[in-house]
Amino acid sequence: MSAYARVRHIFSGSAALALALWLTPPASPAEPVDVELVLAVDVSLSMSPAELEIQRHGYAAALTHENVLKAIADGAYGKIAVTYVEWAGTTWQRVIVPWTVIANRTDAEKVVAQLNARPPDSARRTSISGALSFGSDLFAESGFEGTKRVIDVSGDGPNNQGAPVDLTRDAVVKQGITINGLPLMTRGGFSGAFDVENLDRYYSDCVIGGPGAFMIPVNDWTQFPEAIRRKLVLELAGPASPQWAVEEAAHPPVVLADDRPATDCLVVWSRHLLERIEFETFRL
């Protein structure tokens, strides 16, 4: 190839690249919101169909509550982005409501309509670590830029499948994400092989994390709607808000005893791993 041909070839290639870049539309900037919120809701088989419906109805009522709407309106942008996910085992996560902006009651009612569109499913196992990993990945595709990013995880048992929950929690928190918890201590004496005592302590030590992280335990299903409403207000308003002070005055926080040993975050995970080893040994 002659020098002239080489120069012409390089020039034409550069021109084609420049044209392609010129024709490619610029990426749309992320829409600013006060909070990007992932509602991660446990639907493992330890909960009955009636309890699953209580959860759905509780979130629906909370999202349209006047106190929650006021907390949203009082934000710097006056809007949040929310997605609702149901989860069970390591690979079982379902997005029920994709990322949606809530700035007023009409927006909240649209989210509720999606929640009511079909009944919840359920599946085996409880992988809090799987839910946290899945939830953290959702922020990358949200199309929003929140002042803060929060995963709000609820569940009625400890992590019994997947990666260790405390290690996953730490990895998610390093991304600048806050994890808040809603431990559901609602089994009324029922216990299984993967249960732990004091699920609230387990959530406090092993699940929640990040700036301002907190958890609100639910001891009876009648408490659930109020707990969800209160939790959303605290997440959206923030510690500096007058609403936070009002909520704390009306419902003093649960104080865990300082003299009790920290929860073993791997106790159930180790038990499940041991069962798998024994099962495989038996097969051999």
Protein backbone atom coordinates (compact mmCIF):
# COMPACT_ATOMS: atom_id res chain seq x y z
CA MET A 1 0.00 0.00 0.00
CA SER A 2 1.37 3.42 -0.99
CA ALA A 3 1.87 6.21 1.52
CA TYR A 4 -1.02 8.11 -0.05
CA ALA A 5 -3.31 5.08 0.24
CA ARG A 6 -2.33 4.59 3.89
CA VAL A 7 -3.07 8.21 4.72
CA ARG A 8 -6.41 8.02 2.90
CA HIS A 9 -7.29 4.80 4.74
CA ILE A 10 -6.46 6.33 8.15
CA PHE A 11 -8.37 9.50 7.32
CA SER A 12 -11.48 7.65 6.19
CA GLY A 13 -11.41 5.47 9.30
CA SER A 14 -11.10 8.51 11.57
CA ALA A 15 -13.91 10.23 9.72
CA ALA A 16 -16.16 7.19 10.17
CA LEU A 17 -15.39 7.07 13.89
CA ALA A 18 -16.07 10.79 14.29
CA LEU A 19 -19.37 10.41 12.44
CA ALA A 20 -20.39 7.48 14.65
CA LEU A 21 -19.60 9.45 17.80
CA TRP A 22 -21.52 12.46 16.48
CA LEU A 23 -24.57 10.34 15.68
CA THR A 24 -24.55 8.56 19.07
CA PRO A 25 -26.95 10.38 21.41
CA PRO A 26 -25.38 11.47 24.71
CA ALA A 27 -26.31 9.45 27.79
CA SER A 28 -29.25 10.92 29.65
CA PRO A 29 -28.23 12.34 33.03
CA ALA A 30 -29.56 10.51 36.07
CA GLU A 31 -32.67 12.10 37.57
CA PRO A 32 -31.93 13.51 41.04
CA VAL A 33 -34.06 12.24 43.94
CA ASP A 34 -33.76 12.43 47.70
CA VAL A 35 -33.60 8.66 48.26
CA GLU A 36 -33.20 5.58 46.08
CA LEU A 37 -35.01 2.92 48.09
CA VAL A 38 -35.04 -0.85 47.55
CA LEU A 39 -37.84 -2.55 49.49
CA ALA A 40 -36.61 -6.15 49.82
CA VAL A 41 -39.38 -8.35 51.24
CA ASP A 42 -38.99 -11.95 52.43
CA VAL A 43 -41.48 -14.43 50.89
CA SER A 44 -39.92 -17.69 52.08
CA LEU A 45 -42.14 -20.70 52.81
CA SER A 46 -42.00 -20.07 56.56
CA MET A 47 -44.71 -17.45 55.99
CA SER A 48 -48.31 -18.36 55.19
CA PRO A 49 -50.24 -16.91 52.21
CA ALA A 50 -52.20 -14.77 54.68
CA GLU A 51 -48.98 -13.36 56.13
CA LEU A 52 -47.66 -12.61 52.65
CA GLU A 53 -50.81 -10.62 51.97
CA ILE A 54 -50.39 -8.74 55.26
CA GLN A 55 -46.95 -7.70 54.06
CA ARG A 56 -48.21 -6.46 50.69
CA HIS A 57 -51.10 -4.55 52.28
CA GLY A 58 -48.78 -3.10 54.94
CA TYR A 59 -46.42 -1.63 52.36
CA ALA A 60 -49.33 -0.37 50.27
CA ALA A 61 -50.88 1.41 53.25
CA ALA A 62 -47.53 2.88 54.33
CA LEU A 63 -46.62 4.27 50.91
CA THR A 64 -49.90 6.19 50.73
CA HIS A 65 -49.89 7.35 54.39
CA GLU A 66 -49.94 11.11 54.96
CA ASN A 67 -46.83 11.02 57.18
CA VAL A 68 -44.83 9.17 54.52
CA LEU A 69 -46.00 11.50 51.74
CA LYS A 70 -45.06 14.48 53.91
CA ALA A 71 -41.59 13.05 54.52
CA ILE A 72 -41.18 12.73 50.75
CA ALA A 73 -42.46 16.26 50.07
CA ASP A 74 -40.14 17.77 52.70
CA GLY A 75 -37.02 16.47 50.93
CA ALA A 76 -34.72 18.73 48.93
CA TYR A 77 -36.11 17.38 45.65
CA GLY A 78 -39.52 16.40 46.98
CA LYS A 79 -39.38 12.94 45.39
CA ILE A 80 -37.90 9.49 45.87
CA ALA A 81 -37.30 6.48 43.62
CA VAL A 82 -38.48 3.12 44.89
CA THR A 83 -38.44 -0.50 43.72
CA TYR A 84 -40.18 -3.43 45.45
CA VAL A 85 -38.48 -6.84 45.43
CA GLU A 86 -39.60 -10.16 46.90
CA TRP A 87 -36.95 -12.72 47.76
CA ALA A 88 -36.36 -16.17 49.24
CA GLY A 89 -33.41 -18.45 48.39
CA THR A 90 -30.05 -17.53 46.89
CA THR A 91 -31.26 -17.21 43.29
CA TRP A 92 -34.92 -16.39 43.97
CA GLN A 93 -35.56 -12.65 43.67
CA ARG A 94 -38.49 -11.06 41.84
CA VAL A 95 -38.91 -7.37 41.02
CA ILE A 96 -42.61 -6.69 41.62
CA VAL A 97 -42.42 -2.92 41.13
CA PRO A 98 -39.57 -1.60 38.94
CA TRP A 99 -37.91 1.72 39.73
CA THR A 100 -40.66 4.31 40.06
CA VAL A 101 -40.69 7.94 41.20
CA ILE A 102 -42.98 8.90 44.07
CA ALA A 103 -43.52 12.63 44.50
CA ASN A 104 -47.21 12.70 45.47
CA ARG A 105 -50.20 10.53 46.30
CA THR A 106 -50.96 9.78 42.66
CA ASP A 107 -47.47 8.35 42.17
CA ALA A 108 -47.79 6.29 45.38
CA GLU A 109 -51.14 4.89 44.26
CA LYS A 110 -49.57 3.76 40.98
CA VAL A 111 -47.04 1.76 42.98
CA VAL A 112 -49.85 0.27 45.07
CA ALA A 113 -51.71 -0.73 41.90
CA GLN A 114 -48.64 -2.69 40.77
CA LEU A 115 -48.41 -4.37 44.19
CA ASN A 116 -52.04 -5.43 43.92
CA ALA A 117 -51.77 -6.64 40.32
CA ARG A 118 -51.00 -10.24 41.29
CA PRO A 119 -50.69 -12.28 44.49
CA PRO A 120 -47.23 -12.92 45.98
CA ASP A 121 -45.33 -16.13 45.28
CA SER A 122 -43.13 -17.93 47.77
CA ALA A 123 -40.10 -20.22 47.66
CA ARG A 124 -37.74 -22.25 49.82
CA ARG A 125 -34.87 -20.96 51.95
CA THR A 126 -33.94 -17.54 53.30
CA SER A 127 -30.94 -15.90 51.68
CA ILE A 128 -30.59 -12.42 53.12
CA SER A 129 -27.15 -12.22 51.50
CA GLY A 130 -28.69 -13.02 48.11
CA ALA A 131 -31.31 -10.32 48.62
CA LEU A 132 -28.67 -7.74 49.58
CA SER A 133 -26.48 -8.55 46.57
CA PHE A 134 -29.46 -8.43 44.22
CA GLY A 135 -30.68 -5.18 45.78
CA SER A 136 -27.29 -3.49 45.51
CA ASP A 137 -27.08 -4.36 41.80
CA LEU A 138 -30.42 -2.65 41.17
CA PHE A 139 -28.97 0.79 41.91
CA ALA A 140 -26.74 0.60 38.82
CA GLU A 141 -29.80 0.43 36.55
CA SER A 142 -32.12 2.78 38.42
CA GLY A 143 -31.63 5.83 36.21
CA PHE A 144 -31.73 7.99 39.34
CA GLU A 145 -29.16 9.66 41.55
CA GLY A 146 -30.25 9.75 45.17
CA THR A 147 -28.78 11.81 47.95
CA LYS A 148 -28.72 8.46 49.73
CA ARG A 149 -29.27 4.85 48.71
CA VAL A 150 -31.07 2.47 51.05
CA ILE A 151 -31.96 -1.23 51.06
CA ASP A 152 -34.88 -1.88 53.41
CA VAL A 153 -34.83 -5.63 54.10
CA SER A 154 -37.52 -7.51 56.04
CA GLY A 155 -37.51 -11.17 56.99
CA ASP A 156 -38.66 -13.73 59.53
CA GLY A 157 -35.47 -15.75 59.88
CA PRO A 158 -31.67 -15.71 59.63
CA ASN A 159 -29.58 -16.24 56.51
CA ASN A 160 -29.61 -19.99 55.81
CA GLN A 161 -28.38 -20.13 52.22
CA GLY A 162 -25.78 -18.35 50.13
CA ALA A 163 -22.78 -16.26 51.13
CA PRO A 164 -22.22 -15.24 54.78
CA VAL A 165 -24.59 -12.37 55.46
CA ASP A 166 -22.17 -10.19 57.43
CA LEU A 167 -19.55 -10.30 54.68
CA THR A 168 -22.16 -9.44 52.07
CA ARG A 169 -23.47 -6.65 54.30
CA ASP A 170 -19.97 -5.18 54.60
CA ALA A 171 -19.43 -5.30 50.82
CA VAL A 172 -22.74 -3.54 50.17
CA VAL A 173 -22.06 -0.85 52.78
CA LYS A 174 -18.68 -0.14 51.14
CA GLN A 175 -20.64 0.93 48.05
CA GLY A 176 -22.19 3.76 50.04
CA ILE A 177 -25.48 1.93 50.58
CA THR A 178 -27.31 1.90 53.92
CA ILE A 179 -29.10 -1.30 54.99
CA ASN A 180 -32.05 -1.03 57.39
CA GLY A 181 -33.88 -4.01 58.84
CA LEU A 182 -37.36 -5.16 59.78
CA PRO A 183 -37.00 -8.49 61.65
CA LEU A 184 -40.34 -10.29 61.78
CA MET A 185 -40.49 -12.16 65.07
CA THR A 186 -44.03 -13.32 64.35
CA ARG A 187 -43.94 -17.11 64.42
CA GLY A 188 -45.71 -17.48 67.74
CA GLY A 189 -43.50 -20.22 69.13
CA PHE A 190 -42.92 -22.07 65.85
CA SER A 191 -39.28 -22.96 65.38
CA GLY A 192 -37.29 -24.73 62.71
CA ALA A 193 -33.79 -26.07 62.20
CA PHE A 194 -32.53 -22.74 60.90
CA ASP A 195 -34.08 -20.42 63.49
CA VAL A 196 -32.11 -18.29 65.93
CA GLU A 197 -33.12 -16.71 69.19
CA ASN A 198 -33.55 -12.96 69.27
CA LEU A 199 -33.87 -12.26 65.54
CA ASP A 200 -33.77 -8.54 66.32
CA ARG A 201 -30.28 -8.94 67.77
CA TYR A 202 -29.25 -10.98 64.72
CA TYR A 203 -30.42 -8.20 62.39
CA SER A 204 -28.68 -5.58 64.49
CA ASP A 205 -25.34 -7.44 64.54
CA CYS A 206 -25.33 -9.17 61.15
CA VAL A 207 -27.67 -7.48 58.67
CA ILE A 208 -28.01 -3.70 59.04
CA GLY A 209 -25.15 -1.31 58.31
CA GLY A 210 -24.11 2.02 56.88
CA PRO A 211 -24.64 5.63 57.99
CA GLY A 212 -27.70 5.98 60.24
CA ALA A 213 -28.69 2.30 59.87
CA PHE A 214 -31.47 1.08 62.16
CA MET A 215 -33.98 -1.71 62.55
CA ILE A 216 -37.52 -1.95 63.89
CA PRO A 217 -38.59 -5.39 65.16
CA VAL A 218 -42.15 -6.66 64.65
CA ASN A 219 -43.37 -8.99 67.40
CA ASP A 220 -46.91 -9.47 66.12
CA TRP A 221 -48.50 -9.09 62.69
CA THR A 222 -50.86 -6.45 64.06
CA GLN A 223 -47.78 -4.23 64.50
CA PHE A 224 -46.65 -4.62 60.91
CA PRO A 225 -48.49 -1.73 59.16
CA GLU A 226 -47.41 0.77 61.81
CA ALA A 227 -43.83 -0.52 61.77
CA ILE A 228 -43.59 -0.13 57.99
CA ARG A 229 -45.05 3.37 58.10
CA ARG A 230 -42.69 4.44 60.86
CA LYS A 231 -39.69 2.87 59.15
CA LEU A 232 -40.37 4.69 55.88
CA VAL A 233 -40.76 8.02 57.65
CA LEU A 234 -37.43 7.59 59.43
CA GLU A 235 -35.67 6.51 56.22
CA LEU A 236 -37.04 9.39 54.19
CA ALA A 237 -36.99 12.18 56.76
CA GLY A 238 -33.53 11.59 58.22
CA PRO A 239 -32.25 12.25 61.77
CA ALA A 240 -32.24 16.06 61.31
CA SER A 241 -35.92 16.19 60.42
CA PRO A 242 -38.60 17.24 62.95
CA GLN A 243 -40.55 14.14 61.89
CA TRP A 244 -37.69 11.95 63.14
CA ALA A 245 -37.90 13.59 66.56
CA VAL A 246 -41.67 13.12 66.66
CA GLU A 247 -41.38 9.44 65.75
CA GLU A 248 -38.67 8.84 68.33
CA ALA A 249 -40.72 10.56 71.05
CA ALA A 250 -43.82 8.51 70.21
CA HIS A 251 -41.94 5.21 69.81
CA PRO A 252 -38.70 5.02 71.83
CA PRO A 253 -36.09 2.86 70.09
CA VAL A 254 -35.41 -0.70 71.22
CA VAL A 255 -32.26 -0.79 73.35
CA LEU A 256 -30.30 -4.03 73.26
CA ALA A 257 -28.38 -5.08 76.36
CA ASP A 258 -24.69 -4.21 76.10
CA ASP A 259 -23.57 -7.08 78.30
CA ARG A 260 -24.80 -9.78 75.92
CA PRO A 261 -22.30 -11.41 73.56
CA ALA A 262 -22.46 -10.45 69.89
CA THR A 263 -24.48 -12.71 67.61
CA ASP A 264 -22.63 -15.39 65.66
CA CYS A 265 -23.54 -14.35 62.12
CA LEU A 266 -22.37 -17.68 60.69
CA VAL A 267 -24.12 -20.06 63.07
CA VAL A 268 -27.02 -20.95 60.76
CA TRP A 269 -24.92 -20.76 57.60
CA SER A 270 -22.42 -23.21 59.17
CA ARG A 271 -25.24 -25.52 60.23
CA HIS A 272 -26.58 -25.62 56.67
CA LEU A 273 -23.09 -26.25 55.26
CA LEU A 274 -22.57 -29.12 57.70
CA GLU A 275 -25.88 -30.66 56.63
CA ARG A 276 -24.81 -30.49 52.97
CA ILE A 277 -21.49 -32.19 53.78
CA GLU A 278 -23.26 -34.94 55.72
CA PHE A 279 -25.75 -35.42 52.87
CA GLU A 280 -23.01 -35.71 50.24
CA THR A 281 -21.04 -38.11 52.46
CA PHE A 282 -24.16 -40.27 52.86
CA ARG A 283 -24.61 -40.37 49.08
CA LEU A 284 -21.06 -41.62 48.68
